[in-house]
Amino acid sequence: MSQSLHDQTLALAGVFQAANLVQQIANNGQCNETSLETCLRSLFATDPASTLDVYGGELTDVREGLVTLSTVMSEQNEQQDIQVLRYVLNLIHLESKLNRHRSMLGEIGNRIDQARHTASHFGYVHSNLIGNLASIYADTISTFRLRIHVSGNPSLLQREENAAKVRALLLAGIRSAVLWRQTGGRRWQLVLSRRKVIQHAKELAEQTNRSFDN
């Protein structure tokens, strides 16, 4: 198993984790707060020692993403799986567009850096920080012609706190898509290397199961 496959699988799991949490909020109005914190914290990991460090340094931090990746890419039977996959593919596509807009990348980086004080003072899942991150997404990535249409319960999506979480998570999904590209991830690999990625994601998820058992 190559190190590149390992790093790419972790980064792709980050994208799937963000997409799955968006799907949960859109349909249920809530999501796993620990997984949410992992996603939002990854936005502030600008000088990590490893790919896993972007997500907190423990496989358990991206367990939801690993399980979602392996399930969705293996089966795609349920409507919710199709939605998650659509979000993932759109996030990867948006990241490729963002990569060609250096000024926008700089603006996002500066504004995330400015939000560090809020994160350190209130924590990563506080409404103040989530609202801040949501506004960054709305002012930048939402201006692209391609926009991610989030499907779900309209009454839940209309609530300001849910809409803010969705936008903040989409920003985190973009961050993981950046990491995936930086580790050598390419869209064609989602087809040609699909089985290898699924298998490695399952192996990593199994490691988290063993850590829970101990």
N, C-alpha and C. Protein backbone atom coordinates (compact mmCIF):
# COMPACT_ATOMS: atom_id res chain seq x y z
N MET A 1 0.85 -1.20 0.00
CA MET A 1 0.00 0.00 0.00
C MET A 1 0.89 1.25 0.00
N SER A 2 0.68 2.10 -0.99
CA SER A 2 1.51 3.29 -1.10
C SER A 2 1.05 4.35 -0.11
N GLN A 3 2.02 5.20 0.30
CA GLN A 3 1.69 6.30 1.19
C GLN A 3 0.71 7.26 0.53
N SER A 4 0.85 7.41 -0.80
CA SER A 4 -0.06 8.33 -1.51
C SER A 4 -1.49 7.85 -1.43
N LEU A 5 -1.71 6.53 -1.58
CA LEU A 5 -3.07 5.99 -1.47
C LEU A 5 -3.61 6.23 -0.06
N HIS A 6 -2.77 6.05 0.95
CA HIS A 6 -3.18 6.27 2.33
C HIS A 6 -3.61 7.72 2.56
N ASP A 7 -2.77 8.66 2.12
CA ASP A 7 -3.08 10.07 2.31
C ASP A 7 -4.30 10.50 1.50
N GLN A 8 -4.39 10.01 0.27
CA GLN A 8 -5.54 10.33 -0.57
C GLN A 8 -6.84 9.81 0.03
N THR A 9 -6.78 8.62 0.59
CA THR A 9 -7.98 8.03 1.20
C THR A 9 -8.43 8.83 2.41
N LEU A 10 -7.48 9.27 3.23
CA LEU A 10 -7.82 10.10 4.39
C LEU A 10 -8.44 11.42 3.96
N ALA A 11 -7.83 12.07 2.96
CA ALA A 11 -8.34 13.36 2.49
C ALA A 11 -9.72 13.20 1.86
N LEU A 12 -9.89 12.13 1.08
CA LEU A 12 -11.20 11.88 0.45
C LEU A 12 -12.25 11.57 1.52
N ALA A 13 -11.84 10.88 2.58
CA ALA A 13 -12.75 10.63 3.70
C ALA A 13 -13.20 11.95 4.32
N GLY A 14 -12.29 12.95 4.36
CA GLY A 14 -12.66 14.27 4.86
C GLY A 14 -13.76 14.90 4.02
N VAL A 15 -13.66 14.75 2.69
CA VAL A 15 -14.70 15.27 1.80
C VAL A 15 -16.02 14.54 2.05
N PHE A 16 -15.97 13.22 2.14
CA PHE A 16 -17.18 12.42 2.37
C PHE A 16 -17.79 12.71 3.73
N GLN A 17 -16.97 12.96 4.73
CA GLN A 17 -17.49 13.27 6.06
C GLN A 17 -18.28 14.58 6.03
N ALA A 18 -17.71 15.60 5.41
CA ALA A 18 -18.41 16.89 5.30
C ALA A 18 -19.71 16.72 4.52
N ALA A 19 -19.66 15.98 3.41
CA ALA A 19 -20.85 15.79 2.58
C ALA A 19 -21.93 15.01 3.33
N ASN A 20 -21.52 14.01 4.10
CA ASN A 20 -22.50 13.22 4.85
C ASN A 20 -23.17 14.05 5.95
N LEU A 21 -22.39 14.93 6.58
CA LEU A 21 -22.96 15.79 7.62
C LEU A 21 -23.93 16.80 7.01
N VAL A 22 -23.63 17.30 5.83
CA VAL A 22 -24.56 18.18 5.11
C VAL A 22 -25.87 17.45 4.87
N GLN A 23 -25.77 16.21 4.42
CA GLN A 23 -26.97 15.40 4.15
C GLN A 23 -27.78 15.18 5.42
N GLN A 24 -27.10 14.94 6.55
CA GLN A 24 -27.79 14.74 7.83
C GLN A 24 -28.54 16.00 8.27
N ILE A 25 -27.87 17.14 8.18
CA ILE A 25 -28.50 18.40 8.59
C ILE A 25 -29.69 18.71 7.70
N ALA A 26 -29.53 18.50 6.39
CA ALA A 26 -30.60 18.81 5.44
C ALA A 26 -31.85 17.97 5.65
N ASN A 27 -31.66 16.75 6.14
CA ASN A 27 -32.80 15.84 6.30
C ASN A 27 -33.28 15.69 7.73
N ASN A 28 -32.37 15.90 8.70
CA ASN A 28 -32.72 15.67 10.11
C ASN A 28 -32.59 16.91 10.98
N GLY A 29 -31.91 17.94 10.48
CA GLY A 29 -31.71 19.15 11.26
C GLY A 29 -30.64 19.04 12.31
N GLN A 30 -29.88 17.94 12.29
CA GLN A 30 -28.81 17.76 13.26
C GLN A 30 -27.78 16.78 12.69
N CYS A 31 -26.59 16.77 13.31
CA CYS A 31 -25.54 15.85 12.86
C CYS A 31 -24.64 15.54 14.04
N ASN A 32 -23.73 14.60 13.83
CA ASN A 32 -22.78 14.21 14.87
C ASN A 32 -21.84 15.39 15.15
N GLU A 33 -21.88 15.89 16.38
CA GLU A 33 -21.12 17.11 16.71
C GLU A 33 -19.61 16.87 16.71
N THR A 34 -19.18 15.67 17.09
CA THR A 34 -17.75 15.37 17.07
C THR A 34 -17.22 15.38 15.65
N SER A 35 -17.98 14.78 14.73
CA SER A 35 -17.58 14.77 13.32
C SER A 35 -17.62 16.19 12.75
N LEU A 36 -18.60 16.97 13.18
CA LEU A 36 -18.70 18.38 12.75
C LEU A 36 -17.46 19.15 13.20
N GLU A 37 -17.07 18.96 14.45
CA GLU A 37 -15.90 19.66 14.97
C GLU A 37 -14.64 19.29 14.19
N THR A 38 -14.50 18.00 13.85
CA THR A 38 -13.35 17.57 13.06
C THR A 38 -13.29 18.30 11.73
N CYS A 39 -14.43 18.40 11.06
CA CYS A 39 -14.48 19.07 9.75
C CYS A 39 -14.10 20.55 9.88
N LEU A 40 -14.69 21.23 10.84
CA LEU A 40 -14.45 22.67 10.96
C LEU A 40 -13.03 22.96 11.45
N ARG A 41 -12.52 22.10 12.32
CA ARG A 41 -11.15 22.27 12.81
C ARG A 41 -10.14 22.11 11.68
N SER A 42 -10.47 21.29 10.69
CA SER A 42 -9.53 21.05 9.58
C SER A 42 -9.25 22.32 8.79
N LEU A 43 -10.18 23.27 8.82
CA LEU A 43 -9.98 24.54 8.10
C LEU A 43 -8.82 25.34 8.67
N PHE A 44 -8.48 25.11 9.92
CA PHE A 44 -7.44 25.88 10.58
C PHE A 44 -6.10 25.14 10.64
N ALA A 45 -6.05 23.93 10.06
CA ALA A 45 -4.81 23.14 10.05
C ALA A 45 -4.00 23.52 8.82
N THR A 46 -3.26 24.61 8.92
CA THR A 46 -2.54 25.14 7.76
C THR A 46 -1.09 24.64 7.68
N ASP A 47 -0.58 24.05 8.74
CA ASP A 47 0.80 23.56 8.73
C ASP A 47 0.88 22.19 9.41
N PRO A 48 0.14 21.21 8.90
CA PRO A 48 0.08 19.89 9.57
C PRO A 48 1.33 19.07 9.31
N ALA A 49 1.67 18.23 10.27
CA ALA A 49 2.82 17.34 10.11
C ALA A 49 2.48 16.15 9.21
N SER A 50 1.21 15.82 9.12
CA SER A 50 0.76 14.70 8.29
C SER A 50 -0.67 14.97 7.83
N THR A 51 -1.14 14.17 6.90
CA THR A 51 -2.52 14.30 6.42
C THR A 51 -3.50 14.07 7.56
N LEU A 52 -3.24 13.05 8.38
CA LEU A 52 -4.15 12.75 9.48
C LEU A 52 -4.20 13.89 10.49
N ASP A 53 -3.11 14.62 10.65
CA ASP A 53 -3.08 15.74 11.59
C ASP A 53 -4.07 16.84 11.21
N VAL A 54 -4.43 16.93 9.94
CA VAL A 54 -5.43 17.91 9.51
C VAL A 54 -6.75 17.66 10.23
N TYR A 55 -7.01 16.40 10.54
CA TYR A 55 -8.28 16.02 11.16
C TYR A 55 -8.18 15.74 12.66
N GLY A 56 -7.05 16.07 13.25
CA GLY A 56 -6.92 15.91 14.69
C GLY A 56 -5.93 14.85 15.12
N GLY A 57 -5.41 14.07 14.16
CA GLY A 57 -4.35 13.12 14.47
C GLY A 57 -4.79 11.71 14.82
N GLU A 58 -6.11 11.49 14.93
CA GLU A 58 -6.63 10.16 15.27
C GLU A 58 -7.58 9.67 14.19
N LEU A 59 -7.47 8.38 13.83
CA LEU A 59 -8.36 7.82 12.82
C LEU A 59 -9.83 7.94 13.22
N THR A 60 -10.08 7.89 14.52
CA THR A 60 -11.47 7.99 14.98
C THR A 60 -12.10 9.32 14.58
N ASP A 61 -11.26 10.35 14.37
CA ASP A 61 -11.79 11.66 13.98
C ASP A 61 -12.43 11.63 12.60
N VAL A 62 -11.94 10.73 11.73
CA VAL A 62 -12.50 10.65 10.37
C VAL A 62 -13.22 9.32 10.14
N ARG A 63 -13.58 8.65 11.23
CA ARG A 63 -14.25 7.36 11.07
C ARG A 63 -15.53 7.50 10.26
N GLU A 64 -16.32 8.53 10.54
CA GLU A 64 -17.58 8.70 9.81
C GLU A 64 -17.32 8.88 8.32
N GLY A 65 -16.27 9.61 7.98
CA GLY A 65 -15.93 9.81 6.58
C GLY A 65 -15.45 8.52 5.92
N LEU A 66 -14.65 7.74 6.63
CA LEU A 66 -14.15 6.48 6.09
C LEU A 66 -15.29 5.49 5.82
N VAL A 67 -16.21 5.40 6.78
CA VAL A 67 -17.36 4.49 6.63
C VAL A 67 -18.25 4.96 5.49
N THR A 68 -18.51 6.27 5.44
CA THR A 68 -19.35 6.82 4.37
C THR A 68 -18.71 6.60 3.01
N LEU A 69 -17.41 6.86 2.91
CA LEU A 69 -16.69 6.66 1.64
C LEU A 69 -16.85 5.22 1.16
N SER A 70 -16.54 4.27 2.03
CA SER A 70 -16.57 2.86 1.62
C SER A 70 -17.99 2.40 1.29
N THR A 71 -18.98 2.89 2.02
CA THR A 71 -20.37 2.49 1.77
C THR A 71 -20.89 3.10 0.48
N VAL A 72 -20.73 4.41 0.34
CA VAL A 72 -21.28 5.12 -0.82
C VAL A 72 -20.60 4.68 -2.11
N MET A 73 -19.28 4.54 -2.11
CA MET A 73 -18.58 4.16 -3.33
C MET A 73 -18.77 2.68 -3.66
N SER A 74 -19.16 1.87 -2.68
CA SER A 74 -19.40 0.44 -2.93
C SER A 74 -20.80 0.19 -3.46
N GLU A 75 -21.78 0.88 -2.89
CA GLU A 75 -23.17 0.50 -3.12
C GLU A 75 -23.98 1.53 -3.91
N GLN A 76 -24.11 2.73 -3.38
CA GLN A 76 -24.92 3.78 -4.00
C GLN A 76 -26.37 3.31 -4.23
N ASN A 77 -26.88 2.54 -3.28
CA ASN A 77 -28.23 2.01 -3.41
C ASN A 77 -29.28 2.98 -2.91
N GLU A 78 -28.98 3.63 -1.80
CA GLU A 78 -29.95 4.50 -1.17
C GLU A 78 -29.91 5.90 -1.78
N GLN A 79 -31.06 6.58 -1.73
CA GLN A 79 -31.12 7.94 -2.24
C GLN A 79 -30.14 8.85 -1.50
N GLN A 80 -30.00 8.62 -0.20
CA GLN A 80 -29.08 9.45 0.58
C GLN A 80 -27.63 9.24 0.14
N ASP A 81 -27.29 8.02 -0.27
CA ASP A 81 -25.93 7.75 -0.77
C ASP A 81 -25.68 8.51 -2.07
N ILE A 82 -26.69 8.55 -2.94
CA ILE A 82 -26.57 9.27 -4.21
C ILE A 82 -26.39 10.76 -3.95
N GLN A 83 -27.12 11.29 -2.97
CA GLN A 83 -26.98 12.70 -2.60
C GLN A 83 -25.58 12.99 -2.10
N VAL A 84 -25.08 12.16 -1.21
CA VAL A 84 -23.73 12.37 -0.65
C VAL A 84 -22.70 12.34 -1.76
N LEU A 85 -22.81 11.36 -2.67
CA LEU A 85 -21.85 11.27 -3.77
C LEU A 85 -21.92 12.51 -4.67
N ARG A 86 -23.13 13.01 -4.89
CA ARG A 86 -23.28 14.23 -5.70
C ARG A 86 -22.59 15.40 -5.03
N TYR A 87 -22.76 15.53 -3.72
CA TYR A 87 -22.09 16.62 -3.00
C TYR A 87 -20.57 16.49 -3.12
N VAL A 88 -20.06 15.26 -2.97
CA VAL A 88 -18.61 15.03 -3.04
C VAL A 88 -18.06 15.42 -4.40
N LEU A 89 -18.72 14.96 -5.47
CA LEU A 89 -18.25 15.26 -6.82
C LEU A 89 -18.32 16.76 -7.10
N ASN A 90 -19.37 17.42 -6.61
CA ASN A 90 -19.48 18.87 -6.79
C ASN A 90 -18.40 19.62 -6.02
N LEU A 91 -18.09 19.16 -4.81
CA LEU A 91 -17.04 19.80 -4.01
C LEU A 91 -15.68 19.67 -4.70
N ILE A 92 -15.41 18.49 -5.25
CA ILE A 92 -14.15 18.28 -5.96
C ILE A 92 -14.08 19.18 -7.21
N HIS A 93 -15.20 19.29 -7.90
CA HIS A 93 -15.24 20.15 -9.09
C HIS A 93 -15.07 21.62 -8.71
N LEU A 94 -15.73 22.05 -7.65
CA LEU A 94 -15.60 23.44 -7.20
C LEU A 94 -14.17 23.75 -6.77
N GLU A 95 -13.53 22.79 -6.12
CA GLU A 95 -12.14 23.00 -5.70
C GLU A 95 -11.23 23.20 -6.90
N SER A 96 -11.48 22.48 -7.98
CA SER A 96 -10.65 22.64 -9.18
C SER A 96 -10.84 24.02 -9.79
N LYS A 97 -12.07 24.56 -9.70
CA LYS A 97 -12.32 25.92 -10.17
C LYS A 97 -11.65 26.94 -9.24
N LEU A 98 -11.77 26.70 -7.94
CA LEU A 98 -11.17 27.60 -6.97
C LEU A 98 -9.66 27.67 -7.13
N ASN A 99 -9.04 26.55 -7.47
CA ASN A 99 -7.59 26.48 -7.61
C ASN A 99 -7.08 27.41 -8.71
N ARG A 100 -7.96 27.78 -9.64
CA ARG A 100 -7.57 28.69 -10.72
C ARG A 100 -7.84 30.16 -10.38
N HIS A 101 -8.40 30.41 -9.20
CA HIS A 101 -8.70 31.77 -8.76
C HIS A 101 -7.83 32.10 -7.54
N ARG A 102 -6.60 32.51 -7.80
CA ARG A 102 -5.64 32.72 -6.72
C ARG A 102 -6.08 33.82 -5.76
N SER A 103 -6.71 34.88 -6.30
CA SER A 103 -7.12 35.98 -5.42
C SER A 103 -8.20 35.52 -4.45
N MET A 104 -9.12 34.68 -4.94
CA MET A 104 -10.16 34.17 -4.06
C MET A 104 -9.58 33.23 -3.01
N LEU A 105 -8.62 32.40 -3.42
CA LEU A 105 -7.94 31.52 -2.46
C LEU A 105 -7.29 32.35 -1.36
N GLY A 106 -6.66 33.46 -1.75
CA GLY A 106 -6.02 34.33 -0.77
C GLY A 106 -7.01 34.95 0.18
N GLU A 107 -8.16 35.37 -0.36
CA GLU A 107 -9.19 35.96 0.48
C GLU A 107 -9.72 34.95 1.50
N ILE A 108 -9.97 33.71 1.03
CA ILE A 108 -10.46 32.67 1.93
C ILE A 108 -9.44 32.40 3.03
N GLY A 109 -8.16 32.30 2.63
CA GLY A 109 -7.11 32.05 3.62
C GLY A 109 -7.01 33.15 4.65
N ASN A 110 -7.09 34.40 4.19
CA ASN A 110 -7.01 35.54 5.12
C ASN A 110 -8.18 35.55 6.09
N ARG A 111 -9.36 35.29 5.58
CA ARG A 111 -10.55 35.35 6.44
C ARG A 111 -10.61 34.18 7.43
N ILE A 112 -10.12 33.02 7.01
CA ILE A 112 -10.03 31.90 7.95
C ILE A 112 -9.02 32.23 9.04
N ASP A 113 -7.91 32.85 8.65
CA ASP A 113 -6.89 33.24 9.63
C ASP A 113 -7.46 34.24 10.64
N GLN A 114 -8.29 35.15 10.16
CA GLN A 114 -8.93 36.12 11.05
C GLN A 114 -9.92 35.46 12.01
N ALA A 115 -10.46 34.31 11.57
CA ALA A 115 -11.45 33.60 12.40
C ALA A 115 -10.80 32.76 13.50
N ARG A 116 -9.47 32.67 13.49
CA ARG A 116 -8.79 31.85 14.50
C ARG A 116 -9.09 32.32 15.92
N HIS A 117 -9.17 33.62 16.10
CA HIS A 117 -9.44 34.15 17.42
C HIS A 117 -10.80 33.68 17.92
N THR A 118 -11.79 33.72 17.03
CA THR A 118 -13.13 33.24 17.40
C THR A 118 -13.09 31.76 17.76
N ALA A 119 -12.35 30.98 16.95
CA ALA A 119 -12.25 29.54 17.21
C ALA A 119 -11.59 29.25 18.55
N SER A 120 -10.51 29.98 18.85
CA SER A 120 -9.80 29.75 20.11
C SER A 120 -10.60 30.23 21.31
N HIS A 121 -11.42 31.24 21.10
CA HIS A 121 -12.18 31.81 22.22
C HIS A 121 -13.47 31.03 22.49
N PHE A 122 -14.19 30.66 21.42
CA PHE A 122 -15.50 30.03 21.58
C PHE A 122 -15.51 28.52 21.33
N GLY A 123 -14.53 28.02 20.57
CA GLY A 123 -14.54 26.62 20.17
C GLY A 123 -15.00 26.47 18.73
N TYR A 124 -14.79 25.27 18.18
CA TYR A 124 -15.01 25.05 16.75
C TYR A 124 -16.48 24.86 16.37
N VAL A 125 -17.35 24.56 17.31
CA VAL A 125 -18.75 24.33 16.94
C VAL A 125 -19.67 25.43 17.48
N HIS A 126 -19.09 26.54 17.91
CA HIS A 126 -19.90 27.66 18.40
C HIS A 126 -20.58 28.36 17.23
N SER A 127 -21.78 28.85 17.46
CA SER A 127 -22.55 29.48 16.38
C SER A 127 -21.84 30.70 15.80
N ASN A 128 -21.06 31.41 16.62
CA ASN A 128 -20.33 32.58 16.11
C ASN A 128 -19.31 32.17 15.04
N LEU A 129 -18.57 31.11 15.31
CA LEU A 129 -17.57 30.65 14.34
C LEU A 129 -18.25 30.06 13.11
N ILE A 130 -19.28 29.27 13.32
CA ILE A 130 -19.99 28.65 12.20
C ILE A 130 -20.57 29.73 11.28
N GLY A 131 -21.14 30.76 11.87
CA GLY A 131 -21.67 31.87 11.08
C GLY A 131 -20.58 32.58 10.30
N ASN A 132 -19.43 32.73 10.93
CA ASN A 132 -18.28 33.36 10.29
C ASN A 132 -17.81 32.55 9.08
N LEU A 133 -17.67 31.24 9.27
CA LEU A 133 -17.23 30.36 8.18
C LEU A 133 -18.26 30.31 7.06
N ALA A 134 -19.54 30.31 7.44
CA ALA A 134 -20.62 30.29 6.44
C ALA A 134 -20.57 31.54 5.56
N SER A 135 -20.26 32.68 6.17
CA SER A 135 -20.19 33.93 5.40
C SER A 135 -19.01 33.91 4.44
N ILE A 136 -17.91 33.26 4.83
CA ILE A 136 -16.76 33.13 3.93
C ILE A 136 -17.18 32.34 2.69
N TYR A 137 -17.88 31.24 2.90
CA TYR A 137 -18.35 30.41 1.77
C TYR A 137 -19.31 31.20 0.88
N ALA A 138 -20.25 31.91 1.51
CA ALA A 138 -21.27 32.65 0.75
C ALA A 138 -20.64 33.76 -0.08
N ASP A 139 -19.60 34.41 0.45
CA ASP A 139 -18.98 35.54 -0.24
C ASP A 139 -18.00 35.13 -1.32
N THR A 140 -17.58 33.88 -1.32
CA THR A 140 -16.54 33.45 -2.26
C THR A 140 -17.03 32.32 -3.17
N ILE A 141 -17.04 31.11 -2.66
CA ILE A 141 -17.34 29.94 -3.49
C ILE A 141 -18.76 29.97 -4.03
N SER A 142 -19.69 30.54 -3.28
CA SER A 142 -21.07 30.63 -3.75
C SER A 142 -21.24 31.54 -4.95
N THR A 143 -20.21 32.32 -5.28
CA THR A 143 -20.32 33.22 -6.43
C THR A 143 -20.01 32.51 -7.75
N PHE A 144 -19.50 31.27 -7.69
CA PHE A 144 -19.26 30.51 -8.92
C PHE A 144 -20.60 30.15 -9.58
N ARG A 145 -20.56 29.96 -10.88
CA ARG A 145 -21.78 29.60 -11.60
C ARG A 145 -22.31 28.25 -11.12
N LEU A 146 -21.39 27.29 -10.93
CA LEU A 146 -21.79 26.01 -10.35
C LEU A 146 -22.01 26.20 -8.86
N ARG A 147 -23.21 25.93 -8.41
CA ARG A 147 -23.52 26.03 -6.99
C ARG A 147 -24.10 24.69 -6.54
N ILE A 148 -23.76 24.30 -5.34
CA ILE A 148 -24.24 23.02 -4.83
C ILE A 148 -25.67 23.17 -4.34
N HIS A 149 -26.57 22.44 -4.97
CA HIS A 149 -27.97 22.44 -4.52
C HIS A 149 -28.13 21.37 -3.46
N VAL A 150 -28.45 21.78 -2.24
CA VAL A 150 -28.61 20.85 -1.12
C VAL A 150 -30.07 20.44 -1.03
N SER A 151 -30.31 19.12 -1.15
CA SER A 151 -31.67 18.58 -1.09
C SER A 151 -31.98 18.17 0.34
N GLY A 152 -33.23 18.31 0.74
CA GLY A 152 -33.63 17.89 2.08
C GLY A 152 -34.97 18.46 2.48
N ASN A 153 -35.16 18.61 3.76
CA ASN A 153 -36.40 19.15 4.32
C ASN A 153 -36.34 20.68 4.25
N PRO A 154 -37.17 21.32 3.42
CA PRO A 154 -37.09 22.77 3.25
C PRO A 154 -37.22 23.55 4.56
N SER A 155 -38.10 23.08 5.45
CA SER A 155 -38.29 23.81 6.71
C SER A 155 -37.05 23.76 7.58
N LEU A 156 -36.28 22.67 7.49
CA LEU A 156 -35.03 22.56 8.25
C LEU A 156 -33.94 23.41 7.61
N LEU A 157 -33.89 23.40 6.29
CA LEU A 157 -32.85 24.15 5.58
C LEU A 157 -33.05 25.66 5.68
N GLN A 158 -34.30 26.08 5.92
CA GLN A 158 -34.58 27.51 6.03
C GLN A 158 -34.15 28.10 7.37
N ARG A 159 -33.90 27.23 8.34
CA ARG A 159 -33.44 27.72 9.65
C ARG A 159 -32.01 28.24 9.52
N GLU A 160 -31.81 29.43 10.05
CA GLU A 160 -30.53 30.10 9.86
C GLU A 160 -29.35 29.28 10.37
N GLU A 161 -29.52 28.63 11.54
CA GLU A 161 -28.39 27.88 12.11
C GLU A 161 -28.05 26.66 11.25
N ASN A 162 -29.07 26.04 10.64
CA ASN A 162 -28.81 24.89 9.77
C ASN A 162 -28.16 25.32 8.46
N ALA A 163 -28.65 26.41 7.89
CA ALA A 163 -28.05 26.92 6.65
C ALA A 163 -26.59 27.29 6.86
N ALA A 164 -26.29 27.87 8.03
CA ALA A 164 -24.91 28.25 8.34
C ALA A 164 -24.02 27.01 8.48
N LYS A 165 -24.53 25.98 9.15
CA LYS A 165 -23.74 24.75 9.29
C LYS A 165 -23.46 24.12 7.94
N VAL A 166 -24.47 24.12 7.07
CA VAL A 166 -24.30 23.53 5.73
C VAL A 166 -23.19 24.27 4.98
N ARG A 167 -23.23 25.60 4.98
CA ARG A 167 -22.22 26.37 4.26
C ARG A 167 -20.82 26.17 4.87
N ALA A 168 -20.75 26.15 6.19
CA ALA A 168 -19.46 25.94 6.86
C ALA A 168 -18.90 24.56 6.52
N LEU A 169 -19.78 23.56 6.45
CA LEU A 169 -19.34 22.20 6.10
C LEU A 169 -18.91 22.11 4.65
N LEU A 170 -19.59 22.82 3.76
CA LEU A 170 -19.18 22.83 2.36
C LEU A 170 -17.79 23.46 2.22
N LEU A 171 -17.53 24.50 3.01
CA LEU A 171 -16.19 25.10 3.02
C LEU A 171 -15.17 24.08 3.50
N ALA A 172 -15.51 23.32 4.54
CA ALA A 172 -14.61 22.28 5.04
C ALA A 172 -14.41 21.18 4.01
N GLY A 173 -15.48 20.86 3.28
CA GLY A 173 -15.37 19.86 2.22
C GLY A 173 -14.42 20.31 1.12
N ILE A 174 -14.46 21.59 0.79
CA ILE A 174 -13.53 22.16 -0.18
C ILE A 174 -12.10 22.05 0.33
N ARG A 175 -11.91 22.30 1.64
CA ARG A 175 -10.57 22.22 2.23
C ARG A 175 -10.02 20.79 2.08
N SER A 176 -10.86 19.79 2.32
CA SER A 176 -10.42 18.40 2.17
C SER A 176 -10.17 18.06 0.71
N ALA A 177 -10.95 18.65 -0.19
CA ALA A 177 -10.72 18.43 -1.62
C ALA A 177 -9.39 19.03 -2.05
N VAL A 178 -9.02 20.17 -1.47
CA VAL A 178 -7.69 20.76 -1.71
C VAL A 178 -6.61 19.77 -1.26
N LEU A 179 -6.79 19.23 -0.07
CA LEU A 179 -5.83 18.27 0.49
C LEU A 179 -5.74 17.03 -0.39
N TRP A 180 -6.88 16.56 -0.88
CA TRP A 180 -6.92 15.38 -1.75
C TRP A 180 -6.10 15.63 -3.01
N ARG A 181 -6.28 16.80 -3.62
CA ARG A 181 -5.50 17.14 -4.81
C ARG A 181 -4.02 17.25 -4.47
N GLN A 182 -3.69 17.86 -3.32
CA GLN A 182 -2.29 18.03 -2.93
C GLN A 182 -1.59 16.70 -2.68
N THR A 183 -2.35 15.67 -2.27
CA THR A 183 -1.77 14.34 -2.04
C THR A 183 -1.77 13.49 -3.32
N GLY A 184 -2.16 14.10 -4.44
CA GLY A 184 -2.13 13.40 -5.72
C GLY A 184 -3.46 12.88 -6.20
N GLY A 185 -4.53 13.20 -5.49
CA GLY A 185 -5.87 12.74 -5.87
C GLY A 185 -6.34 13.38 -7.17
N ARG A 186 -6.92 12.57 -8.07
CA ARG A 186 -7.47 13.07 -9.32
C ARG A 186 -8.82 12.41 -9.56
N ARG A 187 -9.70 13.10 -10.28
CA ARG A 187 -11.06 12.59 -10.45
C ARG A 187 -11.10 11.23 -11.14
N TRP A 188 -10.20 11.00 -12.09
CA TRP A 188 -10.21 9.71 -12.79
C TRP A 188 -9.95 8.54 -11.84
N GLN A 189 -9.26 8.83 -10.72
CA GLN A 189 -8.96 7.76 -9.76
C GLN A 189 -10.22 7.26 -9.06
N LEU A 190 -11.24 8.10 -9.00
CA LEU A 190 -12.50 7.68 -8.37
C LEU A 190 -13.14 6.53 -9.15
N VAL A 191 -12.74 6.40 -10.41
CA VAL A 191 -13.23 5.29 -11.24
C VAL A 191 -12.18 4.18 -11.31
N LEU A 192 -10.97 4.54 -11.72
CA LEU A 192 -9.95 3.52 -11.99
C LEU A 192 -9.34 2.92 -10.72
N SER A 193 -9.25 3.71 -9.65
CA SER A 193 -8.66 3.20 -8.40
C SER A 193 -9.72 2.99 -7.32
N ARG A 194 -10.98 2.93 -7.74
CA ARG A 194 -12.09 2.88 -6.80
C ARG A 194 -11.98 1.72 -5.79
N ARG A 195 -11.68 0.54 -6.30
CA ARG A 195 -11.63 -0.63 -5.42
C ARG A 195 -10.52 -0.52 -4.37
N LYS A 196 -9.36 0.00 -4.79
CA LYS A 196 -8.25 0.17 -3.84
C LYS A 196 -8.62 1.17 -2.74
N VAL A 197 -9.27 2.28 -3.15
CA VAL A 197 -9.65 3.31 -2.18
C VAL A 197 -10.68 2.75 -1.20
N ILE A 198 -11.69 2.04 -1.73
CA ILE A 198 -12.73 1.45 -0.88
C ILE A 198 -12.11 0.47 0.12
N GLN A 199 -11.22 -0.38 -0.37
CA GLN A 199 -10.61 -1.39 0.50
C GLN A 199 -9.78 -0.74 1.60
N HIS A 200 -9.01 0.29 1.24
CA HIS A 200 -8.18 0.93 2.26
C HIS A 200 -9.04 1.69 3.27
N ALA A 201 -10.11 2.31 2.80
CA ALA A 201 -11.03 3.00 3.72
C ALA A 201 -11.65 2.01 4.70
N LYS A 202 -12.00 0.83 4.22
CA LYS A 202 -12.57 -0.21 5.10
C LYS A 202 -11.54 -0.66 6.13
N GLU A 203 -10.30 -0.84 5.68
CA GLU A 203 -9.24 -1.26 6.61
C GLU A 203 -9.01 -0.21 7.71
N LEU A 204 -9.01 1.05 7.32
CA LEU A 204 -8.81 2.12 8.30
C LEU A 204 -10.00 2.21 9.26
N ALA A 205 -11.20 2.04 8.73
CA ALA A 205 -12.40 2.06 9.58
C ALA A 205 -12.38 0.91 10.57
N GLU A 206 -11.88 -0.25 10.12
CA GLU A 206 -11.76 -1.42 11.00
C GLU A 206 -10.79 -1.13 12.15
N GLN A 207 -9.73 -0.39 11.87
CA GLN A 207 -8.78 -0.02 12.92
C GLN A 207 -9.47 0.83 13.99
N THR A 208 -10.38 1.68 13.59
CA THR A 208 -11.09 2.51 14.58
C THR A 208 -12.04 1.64 15.39
N ASN A 209 -12.61 0.61 14.77
CA ASN A 209 -13.48 -0.31 15.52
C ASN A 209 -12.69 -1.02 16.60
N ARG A 210 -11.47 -1.44 16.26
CA ARG A 210 -10.63 -2.14 17.24
C ARG A 210 -10.24 -1.22 18.39
N SER A 211 -10.03 0.06 18.07
CA SER A 211 -9.65 1.00 19.13
C SER A 211 -10.82 1.23 20.07
N PHE A 212 -12.08 1.17 19.53
CA PHE A 212 -13.24 1.31 20.39
C PHE A 212 -13.41 0.09 21.30
N ASP A 213 -12.99 -1.09 20.79
CA ASP A 213 -13.16 -2.32 21.55
C ASP A 213 -12.20 -2.40 22.72
N ASN A 214 -11.05 -1.75 22.64
CA ASN A 214 -10.02 -1.88 23.68
C ASN A 214 -10.42 -1.15 24.96
